[in-house]
Amino acid sequence: MNVAGDDVPVSASASVPASVPTSVPASVPVSVPASASALAPVVISARALVKRFGDVAAVDGVSFDVRQGEIFGILGPNGSGKTTAIRILCGLLSPTRGDAEVAGASVAREPDVVKSRIGYMSQAF
């Protein structure tokens, strides 16, 4: 995502494998495999997602895959594009460029299909 800044510390706990870094650059997706199988199907795939609001790039070239069974999070400071990325992945906001597939449906071309296959509860409702 489009944010310059220092690394953001990640709290380590007993449930986070030692292979996970203790700090990551601001606003990066972090994925922790829940199982040893790297052969699990990809359930979310983002490719070069961009969302611009005028001259501001809220999301800038984000790409990642999430496999079935993985625990996944997007970390970053306020204003770094986390909520915008989630809204794109839920089919609530169209990307300016790029695409993502969620539960087998394109968020750009089939947002209603995405919405019918997922559940989402925002913090403010």
C-alpha atoms as a PDB file:
ATOM      1  CA  MET A   1       0.000   0.000   0.000  1.00  0.00           C
ATOM      2  CA  ASN A   2       1.113   3.538  -0.511  1.00  0.00           C
ATOM      3  CA  VAL A   3       2.684   4.641   2.750  1.00  0.00           C
ATOM      4  CA  ALA A   4       6.174   5.768   3.564  1.00  0.00           C
ATOM      5  CA  GLY A   5       7.305   5.326   7.110  1.00  0.00           C
ATOM      6  CA  ASP A   6       9.122   3.306   9.700  1.00  0.00           C
ATOM      7  CA  ASP A   7       8.571  -0.340  10.360  1.00  0.00           C
ATOM      8  CA  VAL A   8       5.536  -1.227  12.431  1.00  0.00           C
ATOM      9  CA  PRO A   9       6.279  -3.658  15.303  1.00  0.00           C
ATOM     10  CA  VAL A  10       4.403  -6.940  15.342  1.00  0.00           C
ATOM     11  CA  SER A  11       3.710  -8.476  18.743  1.00  0.00           C
ATOM     12  CA  ALA A  12       4.892 -12.055  18.943  1.00  0.00           C
ATOM     13  CA  SER A  13       2.743 -14.576  20.769  1.00  0.00           C
ATOM     14  CA  ALA A  14       2.724 -18.315  21.263  1.00  0.00           C
ATOM     15  CA  SER A  15       0.389 -18.696  18.279  1.00  0.00           C
ATOM     16  CA  VAL A  16       2.717 -16.907  15.834  1.00  0.00           C
ATOM     17  CA  PRO A  17       5.501 -19.080  14.362  1.00  0.00           C
ATOM     18  CA  ALA A  18       9.081 -17.944  14.920  1.00  0.00           C
ATOM     19  CA  SER A  19       9.457 -17.535  11.141  1.00  0.00           C
ATOM     20  CA  VAL A  20       7.184 -14.460  11.214  1.00  0.00           C
ATOM     21  CA  PRO A  21       9.228 -11.231  11.362  1.00  0.00           C
ATOM     22  CA  THR A  22       9.018  -9.101  14.497  1.00  0.00           C
ATOM     23  CA  SER A  23       8.642  -5.966  12.396  1.00  0.00           C
ATOM     24  CA  VAL A  24       7.275  -5.374   8.941  1.00  0.00           C
ATOM     25  CA  PRO A  25       7.199  -2.315   6.689  1.00  0.00           C
ATOM     26  CA  ALA A  26       4.115  -0.131   7.222  1.00  0.00           C
ATOM     27  CA  SER A  27       0.921  -1.329   5.515  1.00  0.00           C
ATOM     28  CA  VAL A  28       1.939  -4.722   4.245  1.00  0.00           C
ATOM     29  CA  PRO A  29      -0.168  -7.853   4.139  1.00  0.00           C
ATOM     30  CA  VAL A  30       1.063 -10.477   6.607  1.00  0.00           C
ATOM     31  CA  SER A  31       0.122 -14.113   6.199  1.00  0.00           C
ATOM     32  CA  VAL A  32       0.800 -16.873   8.717  1.00  0.00           C
ATOM     33  CA  PRO A  33       0.149 -20.430   7.545  1.00  0.00           C
ATOM     34  CA  ALA A  34      -2.267 -22.184   9.897  1.00  0.00           C
ATOM     35  CA  SER A  35      -1.112 -25.553   8.587  1.00  0.00           C
ATOM     36  CA  ALA A  36       2.014 -26.951   7.007  1.00  0.00           C
ATOM     37  CA  SER A  37       0.275 -27.494   3.669  1.00  0.00           C
ATOM     38  CA  ALA A  38       1.355 -25.016   1.007  1.00  0.00           C
ATOM     39  CA  LEU A  39      -0.881 -26.916  -1.414  1.00  0.00           C
ATOM     40  CA  ALA A  40      -4.139 -25.547  -0.028  1.00  0.00           C
ATOM     41  CA  PRO A  41      -6.236 -23.707  -2.618  1.00  0.00           C
ATOM     42  CA  VAL A  42      -5.930 -19.940  -2.965  1.00  0.00           C
ATOM     43  CA  VAL A  43      -9.161 -18.347  -1.699  1.00  0.00           C
ATOM     44  CA  ILE A  44      -8.160 -14.674  -2.070  1.00  0.00           C
ATOM     45  CA  SER A  45      -5.838 -13.440  -4.785  1.00  0.00           C
ATOM     46  CA  ALA A  46      -5.064  -9.735  -5.270  1.00  0.00           C
ATOM     47  CA  ARG A  47      -3.089  -8.588  -8.303  1.00  0.00           C
ATOM     48  CA  ALA A  48      -1.701  -5.060  -8.637  1.00  0.00           C
ATOM     49  CA  LEU A  49      -4.693  -3.486  -6.854  1.00  0.00           C
ATOM     50  CA  VAL A  50      -4.811   0.298  -7.123  1.00  0.00           C
ATOM     51  CA  LYS A  51      -7.441   2.651  -5.748  1.00  0.00           C
ATOM     52  CA  ARG A  52      -7.062   6.363  -6.374  1.00  0.00           C
ATOM     53  CA  PHE A  53      -9.156   9.178  -4.972  1.00  0.00           C
ATOM     54  CA  GLY A  54      -8.176  12.094  -7.189  1.00  0.00           C
ATOM     55  CA  ASP A  55      -4.418  12.508  -6.836  1.00  0.00           C
ATOM     56  CA  VAL A  56      -4.218  10.290  -3.743  1.00  0.00           C
ATOM     57  CA  ALA A  57      -3.349   6.608  -4.144  1.00  0.00           C
ATOM     58  CA  ALA A  58      -5.021   4.954  -1.150  1.00  0.00           C
ATOM     59  CA  VAL A  59      -3.967   1.503  -2.382  1.00  0.00           C
ATOM     60  CA  ASP A  60      -0.994   1.339  -4.732  1.00  0.00           C
ATOM     61  CA  GLY A  61      -0.091  -1.907  -6.503  1.00  0.00           C
ATOM     62  CA  VAL A  62      -0.974  -4.412  -3.773  1.00  0.00           C
ATOM     63  CA  SER A  63      -0.609  -8.098  -4.659  1.00  0.00           C
ATOM     64  CA  PHE A  64      -0.950 -11.162  -2.418  1.00  0.00           C
ATOM     65  CA  ASP A  65      -2.512 -14.612  -2.139  1.00  0.00           C
ATOM     66  CA  VAL A  66      -4.298 -16.122   0.852  1.00  0.00           C
ATOM     67  CA  ARG A  67      -4.620 -19.888   0.944  1.00  0.00           C
ATOM     68  CA  GLN A  68      -7.413 -21.813   2.640  1.00  0.00           C
ATOM     69  CA  GLY A  69      -6.594 -22.221   6.333  1.00  0.00           C
ATOM     70  CA  GLU A  70      -4.152 -19.311   6.559  1.00  0.00           C
ATOM     71  CA  ILE A  71      -4.484 -16.566   9.132  1.00  0.00           C
ATOM     72  CA  PHE A  72      -4.088 -13.265   7.282  1.00  0.00           C
ATOM     73  CA  GLY A  73      -3.916  -9.648   8.369  1.00  0.00           C
ATOM     74  CA  ILE A  74      -3.181  -6.252   6.865  1.00  0.00           C
ATOM     75  CA  LEU A  75      -1.060  -4.077   9.140  1.00  0.00           C
ATOM     76  CA  GLY A  76      -0.431  -0.353   8.945  1.00  0.00           C
ATOM     77  CA  PRO A  77      -1.023   3.051  10.461  1.00  0.00           C
ATOM     78  CA  ASN A  78      -4.204   5.096  10.091  1.00  0.00           C
ATOM     79  CA  GLY A  79      -4.718   6.277   6.529  1.00  0.00           C
ATOM     80  CA  SER A  80      -2.527   3.609   4.948  1.00  0.00           C
ATOM     81  CA  GLY A  81      -5.275   1.980   2.845  1.00  0.00           C
ATOM     82  CA  LYS A  82      -6.211  -1.041   4.955  1.00  0.00           C
ATOM     83  CA  THR A  83      -9.947  -0.343   5.010  1.00  0.00           C
ATOM     84  CA  THR A  84      -9.929   0.635   1.336  1.00  0.00           C
ATOM     85  CA  ALA A  85      -8.275  -2.686   0.452  1.00  0.00           C
ATOM     86  CA  ILE A  86     -10.835  -4.620   2.519  1.00  0.00           C
ATOM     87  CA  ARG A  87     -13.716  -2.715   0.904  1.00  0.00           C
ATOM     88  CA  ILE A  88     -12.325  -3.631  -2.531  1.00  0.00           C
ATOM     89  CA  LEU A  89     -11.994  -7.297  -1.517  1.00  0.00           C
ATOM     90  CA  CYS A  90     -15.609  -7.309  -0.270  1.00  0.00           C
ATOM     91  CA  GLY A  91     -16.922  -5.946  -3.570  1.00  0.00           C
ATOM     92  CA  LEU A  92     -18.025  -2.697  -1.912  1.00  0.00           C
ATOM     93  CA  LEU A  93     -15.564  -0.479  -3.804  1.00  0.00           C
ATOM     94  CA  SER A  94     -14.252  -0.885  -7.347  1.00  0.00           C
ATOM     95  CA  PRO A  95     -10.493  -0.829  -7.878  1.00  0.00           C
ATOM     96  CA  THR A  96      -9.084   1.886 -10.124  1.00  0.00           C
ATOM     97  CA  ARG A  97      -6.738  -0.720 -11.619  1.00  0.00           C
ATOM     98  CA  GLY A  98      -5.905  -4.340 -10.981  1.00  0.00           C
ATOM     99  CA  ASP A  99      -8.235  -7.050  -9.780  1.00  0.00           C
ATOM    100  CA  ALA A 100      -8.744  -9.550  -7.007  1.00  0.00           C
ATOM    101  CA  GLU A 101     -10.512 -12.857  -6.866  1.00  0.00           C
ATOM    102  CA  VAL A 102     -12.382 -13.751  -3.697  1.00  0.00           C
ATOM    103  CA  ALA A 103     -14.084 -17.137  -3.329  1.00  0.00           C
ATOM    104  CA  GLY A 104     -13.703 -17.684  -7.073  1.00  0.00           C
ATOM    105  CA  ALA A 105     -15.249 -14.377  -8.220  1.00  0.00           C
ATOM    106  CA  SER A 106     -13.648 -11.199  -9.558  1.00  0.00           C
ATOM    107  CA  VAL A 107     -14.171  -8.145  -7.344  1.00  0.00           C
ATOM    108  CA  ALA A 108     -13.948  -5.886 -10.415  1.00  0.00           C
ATOM    109  CA  ARG A 109     -16.274  -7.826 -12.741  1.00  0.00           C
ATOM    110  CA  GLU A 110     -18.512  -9.741 -10.298  1.00  0.00           C
ATOM    111  CA  PRO A 111     -18.856  -7.741  -7.059  1.00  0.00           C
ATOM    112  CA  ASP A 112     -22.388  -9.040  -6.415  1.00  0.00           C
ATOM    113  CA  VAL A 113     -21.154 -12.642  -6.624  1.00  0.00           C
ATOM    114  CA  VAL A 114     -18.354 -11.830  -4.156  1.00  0.00           C
ATOM    115  CA  LYS A 115     -20.876 -10.260  -1.764  1.00  0.00           C
ATOM    116  CA  SER A 116     -23.100 -13.346  -1.954  1.00  0.00           C
ATOM    117  CA  ARG A 117     -20.185 -15.655  -1.019  1.00  0.00           C
ATOM    118  CA  ILE A 118     -18.661 -13.818   1.952  1.00  0.00           C
ATOM    119  CA  GLY A 119     -19.694 -12.288   5.259  1.00  0.00           C
ATOM    120  CA  TYR A 120     -18.354  -8.919   6.426  1.00  0.00           C
ATOM    121  CA  MET A 121     -19.092  -6.901   9.564  1.00  0.00           C
ATOM    122  CA  SER A 122     -17.381  -3.533   9.784  1.00  0.00           C
ATOM    123  CA  GLN A 123     -16.403  -1.982  13.088  1.00  0.00           C
ATOM    124  CA  ALA A 124     -18.936   0.820  12.510  1.00  0.00           C
ATOM    125  CA  PHE A 125     -22.368  -0.339  11.393  1.00  0.00           C
END
